[in-house]
PDB file of N, CA and C in Angstrom:
ATOM      1  N   MET A   1     -18.055 -13.394   0.636  1.00  0.00           N
ATOM      2  CA  MET A   1     -17.021 -12.369   0.456  1.00  0.00           C
ATOM      3  C   MET A   1     -16.359 -11.318   1.560  1.00  0.00           C
ATOM      4  N   HIS A   2     -15.617 -10.724   1.483  1.00  0.00           N
ATOM      5  CA  HIS A   2     -15.224  -9.524   2.195  1.00  0.00           C
ATOM      6  C   HIS A   2     -15.950  -8.284   2.175  1.00  0.00           C
ATOM      7  N   ASN A   3     -15.812  -7.453   2.797  1.00  0.00           N
ATOM      8  CA  ASN A   3     -17.016  -5.765   2.844  1.00  0.00           C
ATOM      9  C   ASN A   3     -16.125  -5.062   2.287  1.00  0.00           C
ATOM     10  N   THR A   4     -14.720  -5.080   2.665  1.00  0.00           N
ATOM     11  CA  THR A   4     -13.998  -4.069   2.196  1.00  0.00           C
ATOM     12  C   THR A   4     -12.478  -4.857   2.093  1.00  0.00           C
ATOM     13  N   LEU A   5     -11.659  -4.124   1.272  1.00  0.00           N
ATOM     14  CA  LEU A   5     -10.204  -4.412   1.034  1.00  0.00           C
ATOM     15  C   LEU A   5      -9.180  -4.881   2.246  1.00  0.00           C
ATOM     16  N   ILE A   6      -9.733  -3.718   3.393  1.00  0.00           N
ATOM     17  CA  ILE A   6      -9.085  -3.934   4.955  1.00  0.00           C
ATOM     18  C   ILE A   6      -9.071  -5.343   5.733  1.00  0.00           C
ATOM     19  N   GLU A   7     -10.562  -5.882   5.519  1.00  0.00           N
ATOM     20  CA  GLU A   7     -11.040  -6.926   6.158  1.00  0.00           C
ATOM     21  C   GLU A   7     -10.328  -8.301   5.854  1.00  0.00           C
ATOM     22  N   HIS A   8     -10.461  -8.129   3.991  1.00  0.00           N
ATOM     23  CA  HIS A   8      -9.588  -9.415   3.257  1.00  0.00           C
ATOM     24  C   HIS A   8      -8.730  -9.197   3.676  1.00  0.00           C
ATOM     25  N   ALA A   9      -7.524  -8.259   3.789  1.00  0.00           N
ATOM     26  CA  ALA A   9      -6.093  -8.317   4.031  1.00  0.00           C
ATOM     27  C   ALA A   9      -5.518  -8.590   5.295  1.00  0.00           C
ATOM     28  N   ARG A  10      -6.771  -8.002   6.327  1.00  0.00           N
ATOM     29  CA  ARG A  10      -6.992  -8.533   8.107  1.00  0.00           C
ATOM     30  C   ARG A  10      -6.890 -10.168   8.052  1.00  0.00           C
ATOM     31  N   CYS A  11      -7.916 -10.689   7.405  1.00  0.00           N
ATOM     32  CA  CYS A  11      -8.218 -12.222   7.214  1.00  0.00           C
ATOM     33  C   CYS A  11      -7.110 -13.008   6.524  1.00  0.00           C
ATOM     34  N   LEU A  12      -6.412 -12.333   5.396  1.00  0.00           N
ATOM     35  CA  LEU A  12      -5.392 -13.124   5.135  1.00  0.00           C
ATOM     36  C   LEU A  12      -3.804 -13.012   6.165  1.00  0.00           C
ATOM     37  N   TYR A  13      -3.777 -11.836   6.437  1.00  0.00           N
ATOM     38  CA  TYR A  13      -2.188 -11.203   6.671  1.00  0.00           C
ATOM     39  C   TYR A  13      -2.198 -11.086   7.933  1.00  0.00           C
ATOM     40  N   GLY A  14      -3.599 -11.081   8.654  1.00  0.00           N
ATOM     41  CA  GLY A  14      -3.305 -11.033   9.959  1.00  0.00           C
ATOM     42  C   GLY A  14      -3.465  -9.116  10.404  1.00  0.00           C
ATOM     43  N   ASP A  15      -3.288  -8.681  11.318  1.00  0.00           N
ATOM     44  CA  ASP A  15      -3.122  -7.220  11.700  1.00  0.00           C
ATOM     45  C   ASP A  15      -2.229  -7.431  12.976  1.00  0.00           C
ATOM     46  N   GLU A  16      -1.446  -6.615  13.312  1.00  0.00           N
ATOM     47  CA  GLU A  16      -0.087  -6.292  14.247  1.00  0.00           C
ATOM     48  C   GLU A  16      -1.359  -5.701  15.582  1.00  0.00           C
ATOM     49  N   TYR A  17      -2.559  -4.798  14.960  1.00  0.00           N
ATOM     50  CA  TYR A  17      -3.120  -3.638  16.208  1.00  0.00           C
ATOM     51  C   TYR A  17      -4.283  -4.677  16.157  1.00  0.00           C
ATOM     52  N   GLN A  18      -5.015  -5.122  15.673  1.00  0.00           N
ATOM     53  CA  GLN A  18      -6.166  -5.926  15.976  1.00  0.00           C
ATOM     54  C   GLN A  18      -6.365  -7.643  15.518  1.00  0.00           C
ATOM     55  N   PRO A  19      -6.829  -8.154  16.359  1.00  0.00           N
ATOM     56  CA  PRO A  19      -6.842  -9.776  16.213  1.00  0.00           C
ATOM     57  C   PRO A  19      -7.445 -10.221  14.655  1.00  0.00           C
ATOM     58  N   THR A  20      -7.269 -10.964  14.431  1.00  0.00           N
ATOM     59  CA  THR A  20      -7.665 -11.557  13.046  1.00  0.00           C
ATOM     60  C   THR A  20      -9.006 -12.180  13.224  1.00  0.00           C
ATOM     61  N   PRO A  21     -10.351 -11.416  12.499  1.00  0.00           N
ATOM     62  CA  PRO A  21     -11.415 -11.851  12.642  1.00  0.00           C
ATOM     63  C   PRO A  21     -11.735 -13.482  12.607  1.00  0.00           C
ATOM     64  N   GLU A  22     -12.639 -13.947  12.813  1.00  0.00           N
ATOM     65  CA  GLU A  22     -12.896 -15.350  12.541  1.00  0.00           C
ATOM     66  C   GLU A  22     -13.548 -15.193  11.198  1.00  0.00           C
ATOM     67  N   CYS A  23     -13.249 -15.879   9.974  1.00  0.00           N
ATOM     68  CA  CYS A  23     -13.837 -16.190   9.007  1.00  0.00           C
ATOM     69  C   CYS A  23     -13.905 -17.309   8.721  1.00  0.00           C
ATOM     70  N   SER A  24     -14.970 -18.074   7.598  1.00  0.00           N
ATOM     71  CA  SER A  24     -14.671 -19.146   7.148  1.00  0.00           C
ATOM     72  C   SER A  24     -14.536 -18.934   5.560  1.00  0.00           C
ATOM     73  N   LEU A  25     -14.062 -18.009   5.031  1.00  0.00           N
ATOM     74  CA  LEU A  25     -14.068 -17.474   3.530  1.00  0.00           C
ATOM     75  C   LEU A  25     -12.817 -18.422   3.065  1.00  0.00           C
ATOM     76  N   GLU A  26     -12.371 -18.674   2.182  1.00  0.00           N
ATOM     77  CA  GLU A  26     -11.303 -19.265   1.352  1.00  0.00           C
ATOM     78  C   GLU A  26     -10.262 -18.248   1.090  1.00  0.00           C
ATOM     79  N   HIS A  27      -8.914 -18.473   1.810  1.00  0.00           N
ATOM     80  CA  HIS A  27      -8.164 -17.273   1.965  1.00  0.00           C
ATOM     81  C   HIS A  27      -7.067 -17.883   0.596  1.00  0.00           C
ATOM     82  N   ARG A  28      -7.212 -17.163  -0.321  1.00  0.00           N
ATOM     83  CA  ARG A  28      -6.230 -17.356  -1.281  1.00  0.00           C
ATOM     84  C   ARG A  28      -5.644 -15.987  -2.030  1.00  0.00           C
ATOM     85  N   GLU A  29      -4.468 -15.947  -1.623  1.00  0.00           N
ATOM     86  CA  GLU A  29      -3.491 -14.180  -1.596  1.00  0.00           C
ATOM     87  C   GLU A  29      -3.872 -13.972  -3.696  1.00  0.00           C
ATOM     88  N   HIS A  30      -4.073 -14.578  -4.352  1.00  0.00           N
ATOM     89  CA  HIS A  30      -4.281 -14.400  -5.566  1.00  0.00           C
ATOM     90  C   HIS A  30      -5.782 -13.607  -5.462  1.00  0.00           C
ATOM     91  N   TYR A  31      -6.862 -14.259  -5.057  1.00  0.00           N
ATOM     92  CA  TYR A  31      -7.874 -13.448  -4.846  1.00  0.00           C
ATOM     93  C   TYR A  31      -7.931 -12.051  -3.889  1.00  0.00           C
ATOM     94  N   PHE A  32      -6.793 -11.850  -3.103  1.00  0.00           N
ATOM     95  CA  PHE A  32      -6.533 -10.705  -2.811  1.00  0.00           C
ATOM     96  C   PHE A  32      -6.239  -9.791  -3.625  1.00  0.00           C
ATOM     97  N   VAL A  33      -5.679 -10.341  -4.412  1.00  0.00           N
ATOM     98  CA  VAL A  33      -4.555  -9.146  -5.715  1.00  0.00           C
ATOM     99  C   VAL A  33      -5.463  -8.696  -6.174  1.00  0.00           C
ATOM    100  N   GLU A  34      -6.382  -9.730  -6.715  1.00  0.00           N
ATOM    101  CA  GLU A  34      -7.019  -9.329  -8.163  1.00  0.00           C
ATOM    102  C   GLU A  34      -7.897  -8.217  -7.482  1.00  0.00           C
ATOM    103  N   GLU A  35      -8.376  -8.525  -6.016  1.00  0.00           N
ATOM    104  CA  GLU A  35      -9.132  -7.092  -5.423  1.00  0.00           C
ATOM    105  C   GLU A  35      -8.275  -6.266  -5.364  1.00  0.00           C
ATOM    106  N   LEU A  36      -7.122  -5.979  -4.896  1.00  0.00           N
ATOM    107  CA  LEU A  36      -6.047  -4.812  -4.869  1.00  0.00           C
ATOM    108  C   LEU A  36      -6.467  -4.520  -6.053  1.00  0.00           C
ATOM    109  N   THR A  37      -6.024  -5.038  -6.986  1.00  0.00           N
ATOM    110  CA  THR A  37      -5.578  -4.572  -8.567  1.00  0.00           C
ATOM    111  C   THR A  37      -6.977  -3.488  -8.677  1.00  0.00           C
ATOM    112  N   PHE A  38      -8.164  -3.838  -8.480  1.00  0.00           N
ATOM    113  CA  PHE A  38      -9.000  -3.150  -8.801  1.00  0.00           C
ATOM    114  C   PHE A  38      -9.789  -2.084  -8.261  1.00  0.00           C
ATOM    115  N   ALA A  39      -8.969  -2.137  -6.730  1.00  0.00           N
ATOM    116  CA  ALA A  39      -9.389  -1.258  -5.802  1.00  0.00           C
ATOM    117  C   ALA A  39      -9.138   0.067  -6.478  1.00  0.00           C
ATOM    118  N   ASP A  40     -10.175   1.177  -5.842  1.00  0.00           N
ATOM    119  CA  ASP A  40      -9.713   2.812  -5.820  1.00  0.00           C
ATOM    120  C   ASP A  40      -8.860   3.026  -5.116  1.00  0.00           C
ATOM    121  N   ALA A  41      -8.428   4.259  -5.111  1.00  0.00           N
ATOM    122  CA  ALA A  41      -7.221   4.533  -4.620  1.00  0.00           C
ATOM    123  C   ALA A  41      -7.344   4.920  -2.861  1.00  0.00           C
ATOM    124  N   GLU A  42      -8.605   5.528  -2.851  1.00  0.00           N
ATOM    125  CA  GLU A  42      -8.945   5.893  -1.361  1.00  0.00           C
ATOM    126  C   GLU A  42      -9.107   4.408  -0.439  1.00  0.00           C
ATOM    127  N   SER A  43     -10.044   3.172  -1.402  1.00  0.00           N
ATOM    128  CA  SER A  43      -9.711   2.136  -0.859  1.00  0.00           C
ATOM    129  C   SER A  43      -8.244   1.476  -0.594  1.00  0.00           C
ATOM    130  N   ILE A  44      -7.176   1.573  -1.143  1.00  0.00           N
ATOM    131  CA  ILE A  44      -6.015   1.124  -1.384  1.00  0.00           C
ATOM    132  C   ILE A  44      -5.440   1.788   0.385  1.00  0.00           C
ATOM    133  N   LEU A  45      -5.267   3.344   0.156  1.00  0.00           N
ATOM    134  CA  LEU A  45      -4.938   4.062   1.112  1.00  0.00           C
ATOM    135  C   LEU A  45      -5.232   3.761   2.728  1.00  0.00           C
ATOM    136  N   THR A  46      -6.497   3.429   2.271  1.00  0.00           N
ATOM    137  CA  THR A  46      -7.640   3.231   4.030  1.00  0.00           C
ATOM    138  C   THR A  46      -6.888   1.879   4.231  1.00  0.00           C
ATOM    139  N   MET A  47      -6.170   0.768   3.405  1.00  0.00           N
ATOM    140  CA  MET A  47      -6.043  -0.202   3.920  1.00  0.00           C
ATOM    141  C   MET A  47      -4.410   0.260   4.631  1.00  0.00           C
ATOM    142  N   LEU A  48      -4.398   0.517   3.539  1.00  0.00           N
ATOM    143  CA  LEU A  48      -2.190   0.765   4.247  1.00  0.00           C
ATOM    144  C   LEU A  48      -2.328   1.805   5.304  1.00  0.00           C
ATOM    145  N   ARG A  49      -3.405   2.694   5.655  1.00  0.00           N
ATOM    146  CA  ARG A  49      -3.075   3.076   6.973  1.00  0.00           C
ATOM    147  C   ARG A  49      -3.612   2.847   8.098  1.00  0.00           C
ATOM    148  N   GLU A  50      -5.166   1.811   7.725  1.00  0.00           N
ATOM    149  CA  GLU A  50      -5.124   1.002   8.921  1.00  0.00           C
ATOM    150  C   GLU A  50      -4.052  -0.205   9.214  1.00  0.00           C
ATOM    151  N   LEU A  51      -3.315  -1.056   8.403  1.00  0.00           N
ATOM    152  CA  LEU A  51      -2.858  -1.982   8.654  1.00  0.00           C
ATOM    153  C   LEU A  51      -1.426  -1.393   9.040  1.00  0.00           C
ATOM    154  N   CYS A  52      -0.984  -0.629   8.637  1.00  0.00           N
ATOM    155  CA  CYS A  52       0.244  -0.098   8.220  1.00  0.00           C
ATOM    156  C   CYS A  52       0.501   1.108   8.756  1.00  0.00           C
ATOM    157  N   PRO A  53       0.393   1.683   9.949  1.00  0.00           N
ATOM    158  CA  PRO A  53       0.057   3.307  10.112  1.00  0.00           C
ATOM    159  C   PRO A  53       1.158   3.918  10.299  1.00  0.00           C
ATOM    160  N   ASN A  54       2.053   3.048  10.493  1.00  0.00           N
ATOM    161  CA  ASN A  54       3.787   3.764  10.474  1.00  0.00           C
ATOM    162  C   ASN A  54       4.393   2.922   9.157  1.00  0.00           C
ATOM    163  N   VAL A  55       5.595   3.375   9.175  1.00  0.00           N
ATOM    164  CA  VAL A  55       6.146   2.734   7.972  1.00  0.00           C
ATOM    165  C   VAL A  55       6.686   1.662   8.196  1.00  0.00           C
ATOM    166  N   CYS A  56       7.225   1.057   9.236  1.00  0.00           N
ATOM    167  CA  CYS A  56       7.687  -0.069   9.022  1.00  0.00           C
ATOM    168  C   CYS A  56       6.846  -1.154   9.956  1.00  0.00           C
ATOM    169  N   ASP A  57       5.921  -0.822   9.787  1.00  0.00           N
ATOM    170  CA  ASP A  57       5.225  -2.135  10.840  1.00  0.00           C
ATOM    171  C   ASP A  57       4.250  -3.082  10.437  1.00  0.00           C
ATOM    172  N   GLY A  58       3.380  -3.262  10.129  1.00  0.00           N
ATOM    173  CA  GLY A  58       1.998  -4.198  10.084  1.00  0.00           C
ATOM    174  C   GLY A  58       2.942  -5.157   9.121  1.00  0.00           C
ATOM    175  N   TYR A  59       1.905  -6.324   8.938  1.00  0.00           N
ATOM    176  CA  TYR A  59       1.958  -7.644   8.291  1.00  0.00           C
ATOM    177  C   TYR A  59       2.092  -7.637   6.775  1.00  0.00           C
ATOM    178  N   LEU A  60       1.502  -6.670   6.257  1.00  0.00           N
ATOM    179  CA  LEU A  60       1.675  -6.537   4.668  1.00  0.00           C
ATOM    180  C   LEU A  60       2.857  -7.338   4.299  1.00  0.00           C
ATOM    181  N   PRO A  61       2.991  -7.924   3.667  1.00  0.00           N
ATOM    182  CA  PRO A  61       3.831  -8.622   2.634  1.00  0.00           C
ATOM    183  C   PRO A  61       4.858  -7.138   2.158  1.00  0.00           C
ATOM    184  N   VAL A  62       6.190  -7.306   2.085  1.00  0.00           N
ATOM    185  CA  VAL A  62       6.440  -5.846   0.832  1.00  0.00           C
ATOM    186  C   VAL A  62       5.946  -5.887   0.003  1.00  0.00           C
ATOM    187  N   TRP A  63       5.979  -6.620  -1.184  1.00  0.00           N
ATOM    188  CA  TRP A  63       5.382  -6.419  -2.152  1.00  0.00           C
ATOM    189  C   TRP A  63       4.160  -6.382  -2.633  1.00  0.00           C
ATOM    190  N   ILE A  64       3.109  -6.386  -1.354  1.00  0.00           N
ATOM    191  CA  ILE A  64       1.809  -5.931  -1.493  1.00  0.00           C
ATOM    192  C   ILE A  64       2.043  -4.761  -1.019  1.00  0.00           C
ATOM    193  N   ARG A  65       2.827  -3.953   0.053  1.00  0.00           N
ATOM    194  CA  ARG A  65       2.442  -2.654   0.153  1.00  0.00           C
ATOM    195  C   ARG A  65       3.360  -1.942  -0.951  1.00  0.00           C
ATOM    196  N   ASN A  66       4.096  -2.337  -1.904  1.00  0.00           N
ATOM    197  CA  ASN A  66       5.171  -2.130  -2.952  1.00  0.00           C
ATOM    198  C   ASN A  66       3.519  -1.799  -4.150  1.00  0.00           C
ATOM    199  N   LEU A  67       3.156  -2.829  -4.364  1.00  0.00           N
ATOM    200  CA  LEU A  67       1.953  -3.215  -5.334  1.00  0.00           C
ATOM    201  C   LEU A  67       1.053  -2.368  -5.317  1.00  0.00           C
ATOM    202  N   ALA A  68       0.356  -1.960  -3.658  1.00  0.00           N
ATOM    203  CA  ALA A  68      -0.480  -1.065  -3.204  1.00  0.00           C
ATOM    204  C   ALA A  68      -0.094   0.267  -3.544  1.00  0.00           C
ATOM    205  N   PHE A  69       1.203   0.528  -3.374  1.00  0.00           N
ATOM    206  CA  PHE A  69       1.116   2.233  -3.716  1.00  0.00           C
ATOM    207  C   PHE A  69       1.678   2.424  -5.491  1.00  0.00           C
ATOM    208  N   ARG A  70       2.367   1.406  -5.665  1.00  0.00           N
ATOM    209  CA  ARG A  70       2.188   1.671  -7.510  1.00  0.00           C
ATOM    210  C   ARG A  70       0.673   1.775  -7.994  1.00  0.00           C
ATOM    211  N   LEU A  71       0.069   1.094  -7.569  1.00  0.00           N
ATOM    212  CA  LEU A  71      -1.754   0.997  -7.638  1.00  0.00           C
ATOM    213  C   LEU A  71      -1.862   2.471  -7.468  1.00  0.00           C
ATOM    214  N   VAL A  72      -1.811   2.855  -6.770  1.00  0.00           N
ATOM    215  CA  VAL A  72      -2.613   4.644  -5.790  1.00  0.00           C
ATOM    216  C   VAL A  72      -2.004   5.366  -6.914  1.00  0.00           C
ATOM    217  N   LEU A  73      -0.483   4.968  -6.644  1.00  0.00           N
ATOM    218  CA  LEU A  73      -0.004   6.204  -8.169  1.00  0.00           C
ATOM    219  C   LEU A  73      -0.638   6.276  -9.219  1.00  0.00           C
ATOM    220  N   LEU A  74      -0.684   5.062  -9.386  1.00  0.00           N
ATOM    221  CA  LEU A  74      -1.221   5.054 -11.161  1.00  0.00           C
ATOM    222  C   LEU A  74      -2.471   6.007 -11.209  1.00  0.00           C
ATOM    223  N   GLN A  75      -3.407   5.982 -10.356  1.00  0.00           N
ATOM    224  CA  GLN A  75      -4.614   6.292  -9.926  1.00  0.00           C
ATOM    225  C   GLN A  75      -4.475   7.922  -9.729  1.00  0.00           C
ATOM    226  N   ARG A  76      -3.263   8.347  -8.948  1.00  0.00           N
ATOM    227  CA  ARG A  76      -3.146   9.521  -8.426  1.00  0.00           C
ATOM    228  C   ARG A  76      -1.468  10.249  -8.867  1.00  0.00           C
ATOM    229  N   PRO A  77      -1.651  10.351  -9.896  1.00  0.00           N
ATOM    230  CA  PRO A  77      -0.397  10.521 -10.364  1.00  0.00           C
ATOM    231  C   PRO A  77       0.761  11.506 -10.039  1.00  0.00           C
ATOM    232  N   ASP A  78      -0.121  12.704  -9.858  1.00  0.00           N
ATOM    233  CA  ASP A  78       0.163  13.772  -9.253  1.00  0.00           C
ATOM    234  C   ASP A  78       0.127  14.111  -7.996  1.00  0.00           C
ATOM    235  N   GLU A  79       0.439  13.531  -7.210  1.00  0.00           N
ATOM    236  CA  GLU A  79      -0.133  13.936  -5.430  1.00  0.00           C
ATOM    237  C   GLU A  79       1.755  13.557  -4.987  1.00  0.00           C
ATOM    238  N   PRO A  80       2.036  14.668  -4.729  1.00  0.00           N
ATOM    239  CA  PRO A  80       3.492  14.655  -4.072  1.00  0.00           C
ATOM    240  C   PRO A  80       3.956  13.604  -2.423  1.00  0.00           C
ATOM    241  N   VAL A  81       2.619  13.933  -1.903  1.00  0.00           N
ATOM    242  CA  VAL A  81       2.351  13.490  -0.281  1.00  0.00           C
ATOM    243  C   VAL A  81       2.455  12.090  -0.634  1.00  0.00           C
ATOM    244  N   LEU A  82       1.968  11.418  -2.199  1.00  0.00           N
ATOM    245  CA  LEU A  82       1.867   9.847  -1.959  1.00  0.00           C
ATOM    246  C   LEU A  82       3.090   9.730  -2.349  1.00  0.00           C
ATOM    247  N   MET A  83       3.528  10.293  -3.353  1.00  0.00           N
ATOM    248  CA  MET A  83       4.733   9.786  -4.237  1.00  0.00           C
ATOM    249  C   MET A  83       6.037   9.620  -2.977  1.00  0.00           C
ATOM    250  N   ARG A  84       5.959  10.378  -1.928  1.00  0.00           N
ATOM    251  CA  ARG A  84       7.100  10.813  -0.801  1.00  0.00           C
ATOM    252  C   ARG A  84       6.756   9.365  -0.266  1.00  0.00           C
ATOM    253  N   ALA A  85       5.578   9.306   0.233  1.00  0.00           N
ATOM    254  CA  ALA A  85       5.080   8.141   1.181  1.00  0.00           C
ATOM    255  C   ALA A  85       5.648   6.761   0.058  1.00  0.00           C
ATOM    256  N   ALA A  86       5.630   6.567  -0.657  1.00  0.00           N
ATOM    257  CA  ALA A  86       5.768   5.251  -1.673  1.00  0.00           C
ATOM    258  C   ALA A  86       7.053   5.411  -1.494  1.00  0.00           C
ATOM    259  N   ALA A  87       7.763   6.174  -1.812  1.00  0.00           N
ATOM    260  CA  ALA A  87       9.152   6.544  -1.641  1.00  0.00           C
ATOM    261  C   ALA A  87       9.656   5.958  -0.324  1.00  0.00           C
ATOM    262  N   GLU A  88       9.377   6.539   0.776  1.00  0.00           N
ATOM    263  CA  GLU A  88       9.693   6.208   2.089  1.00  0.00           C
ATOM    264  C   GLU A  88       9.977   4.557   2.678  1.00  0.00           C
ATOM    265  N   SER A  89       8.730   4.010   1.632  1.00  0.00           N
ATOM    266  CA  SER A  89       8.636   2.379   2.292  1.00  0.00           C
ATOM    267  C   SER A  89       9.348   1.857   1.310  1.00  0.00           C
ATOM    268  N   LEU A  90       9.624   2.371   0.307  1.00  0.00           N
ATOM    269  CA  LEU A  90      10.615   1.851  -1.173  1.00  0.00           C
ATOM    270  C   LEU A  90      12.201   1.762  -0.454  1.00  0.00           C
ATOM    271  N   TYR A  91      12.645   2.969   0.777  1.00  0.00           N
ATOM    272  CA  TYR A  91      13.311   3.244   0.854  1.00  0.00           C
ATOM    273  C   TYR A  91      13.568   1.925   1.957  1.00  0.00           C
ATOM    274  N   LEU A  92      12.807   1.962   3.094  1.00  0.00           N
ATOM    275  CA  LEU A  92      13.061   1.015   4.086  1.00  0.00           C
ATOM    276  C   LEU A  92      13.210  -0.448   3.775  1.00  0.00           C
ATOM    277  N   HIS A  93      12.632  -0.806   2.527  1.00  0.00           N
ATOM    278  CA  HIS A  93      13.093  -2.075   1.861  1.00  0.00           C
ATOM    279  C   HIS A  93      13.592  -2.347   0.687  1.00  0.00           C
ATOM    280  N   GLY A  94      14.372  -1.409   0.926  1.00  0.00           N
ATOM    281  CA  GLY A  94      15.909  -1.374  -0.477  1.00  0.00           C
ATOM    282  C   GLY A  94      16.869  -2.402  -0.060  1.00  0.00           C
ATOM    283  N   PRO A  95      18.113  -2.063  -0.176  1.00  0.00           N
ATOM    284  CA  PRO A  95      18.539  -1.296  -1.522  1.00  0.00           C
ATOM    285  C   PRO A  95      18.280  -1.312  -2.766  1.00  0.00           C
ATOM    286  N   ASP A  96      17.069  -2.619  -3.155  1.00  0.00           N
ATOM    287  CA  ASP A  96      16.625  -2.800  -4.551  1.00  0.00           C
ATOM    288  C   ASP A  96      16.001  -1.792  -5.229  1.00  0.00           C
ATOM    289  N   TRP A  97      15.326  -0.760  -4.503  1.00  0.00           N
ATOM    290  CA  TRP A  97      14.472  -0.253  -5.118  1.00  0.00           C
ATOM    291  C   TRP A  97      14.435   1.475  -4.512  1.00  0.00           C
ATOM    292  N   ASP A  98      16.297   1.603  -3.950  1.00  0.00           N
ATOM    293  CA  ASP A  98      16.588   2.891  -4.310  1.00  0.00           C
ATOM    294  C   ASP A  98      16.601   3.965  -4.939  1.00  0.00           C
ATOM    295  N   ASP A  99      17.164   3.453  -6.369  1.00  0.00           N
ATOM    296  CA  ASP A  99      16.613   4.405  -7.971  1.00  0.00           C
ATOM    297  C   ASP A  99      15.071   4.571  -7.559  1.00  0.00           C
ATOM    298  N   ILE A 100      14.543   4.187  -7.953  1.00  0.00           N
ATOM    299  CA  ILE A 100      12.945   4.336  -7.926  1.00  0.00           C
ATOM    300  C   ILE A 100      12.347   5.380  -6.813  1.00  0.00           C
ATOM    301  N   ALA A 101      12.813   4.826  -5.764  1.00  0.00           N
ATOM    302  CA  ALA A 101      12.341   5.814  -4.404  1.00  0.00           C
ATOM    303  C   ALA A 101      13.094   7.477  -4.555  1.00  0.00           C
ATOM    304  N   ALA A 102      14.406   7.074  -5.170  1.00  0.00           N
ATOM    305  CA  ALA A 102      14.833   8.846  -5.552  1.00  0.00           C
ATOM    306  C   ALA A 102      13.996   9.370  -6.382  1.00  0.00           C
ATOM    307  N   ASP A 103      13.735   8.595  -7.516  1.00  0.00           N
ATOM    308  CA  ASP A 103      13.113   9.302  -8.731  1.00  0.00           C
ATOM    309  C   ASP A 103      11.869  10.005  -8.068  1.00  0.00           C
ATOM    310  N   LEU A 104      11.054   9.066  -7.527  1.00  0.00           N
ATOM    311  CA  LEU A 104       9.395   9.589  -6.686  1.00  0.00           C
ATOM    312  C   LEU A 104       9.793  10.660  -5.833  1.00  0.00           C
ATOM    313  N   GLY A 105      10.953  10.699  -5.479  1.00  0.00           N
ATOM    314  CA  GLY A 105      11.375  11.764  -4.554  1.00  0.00           C
ATOM    315  C   GLY A 105      11.341  13.626  -5.534  1.00  0.00           C
ATOM    316  N   ARG A 106      12.507  12.719  -6.424  1.00  0.00           N
ATOM    317  CA  ARG A 106      12.578  14.075  -7.072  1.00  0.00           C
ATOM    318  C   ARG A 106      11.579  14.735  -8.184  1.00  0.00           C
ATOM    319  N   ARG A 107      10.520  13.991  -8.546  1.00  0.00           N
ATOM    320  CA  ARG A 107       9.227  14.364  -9.032  1.00  0.00           C
ATOM    321  C   ARG A 107       8.230  14.825  -8.597  1.00  0.00           C
ATOM    322  N   ALA A 108       8.264  14.225  -6.920  1.00  0.00           N
ATOM    323  CA  ALA A 108       7.532  15.084  -6.027  1.00  0.00           C
ATOM    324  C   ALA A 108       7.895  16.749  -6.254  1.00  0.00           C
ATOM    325  N   ASP A 109       9.326  16.724  -5.764  1.00  0.00           N
ATOM    326  CA  ASP A 109       9.827  18.090  -5.657  1.00  0.00           C
ATOM    327  C   ASP A 109       9.700  18.983  -7.062  1.00  0.00           C
ATOM    328  N   VAL A 110       9.595  17.924  -7.658  1.00  0.00           N
ATOM    329  CA  VAL A 110       9.268  19.241  -9.161  1.00  0.00           C
ATOM    330  C   VAL A 110       7.632  19.672  -8.934  1.00  0.00           C
ATOM    331  N   LEU A 111       7.112  18.772  -8.919  1.00  0.00           N
ATOM    332  CA  LEU A 111       5.527  19.064  -8.493  1.00  0.00           C
ATOM    333  C   LEU A 111       5.092  19.954  -7.520  1.00  0.00           C
ATOM    334  N   ASP A 112       5.783  20.004  -6.620  1.00  0.00           N
ATOM    335  CA  ASP A 112       5.559  21.296  -5.505  1.00  0.00           C
ATOM    336  C   ASP A 112       6.565  22.552  -5.596  1.00  0.00           C
ATOM    337  N   ALA A 113       7.369  22.335  -6.634  1.00  0.00           N
ATOM    338  CA  ALA A 113       7.878  23.937  -6.988  1.00  0.00           C
ATOM    339  C   ALA A 113       7.156  24.175  -8.061  1.00  0.00           C
ATOM    340  N   ALA A 114       6.061  23.615  -8.979  1.00  0.00           N
ATOM    341  CA  ALA A 114       5.376  24.053 -10.153  1.00  0.00           C
ATOM    342  C   ALA A 114       4.315  24.721  -9.030  1.00  0.00           C
ATOM    343  N   VAL A 115       3.668  24.536  -8.137  1.00  0.00           N
ATOM    344  CA  VAL A 115       2.940  25.134  -7.582  1.00  0.00           C
ATOM    345  C   VAL A 115       2.878  26.571  -6.893  1.00  0.00           C
TER     346      VAL A 115
END
């Protein structure tokens, strides 16, 4: 088993910034998705920052990035910064997701105005 979500993602998908480590484990995407599904928000955010430090980079599949942001927002629903980061990622990979991204932006604006 991998020690971190980052290690698992790096072994499965590779890393644009670091070499893929030698690993003798069996890599199946559904094992990673299970680990991602039950990971805490900070572990997911750390993985996104490490493997995709800019919005338009990294080797994580778009659907994994979208799922990761969704899981983080479920755990931290009232953080405008995270909403905007998720929206930015969705806009980049739209236009199918533009309505959701716009809604995230509006919700973030409402939360900011309430402070």
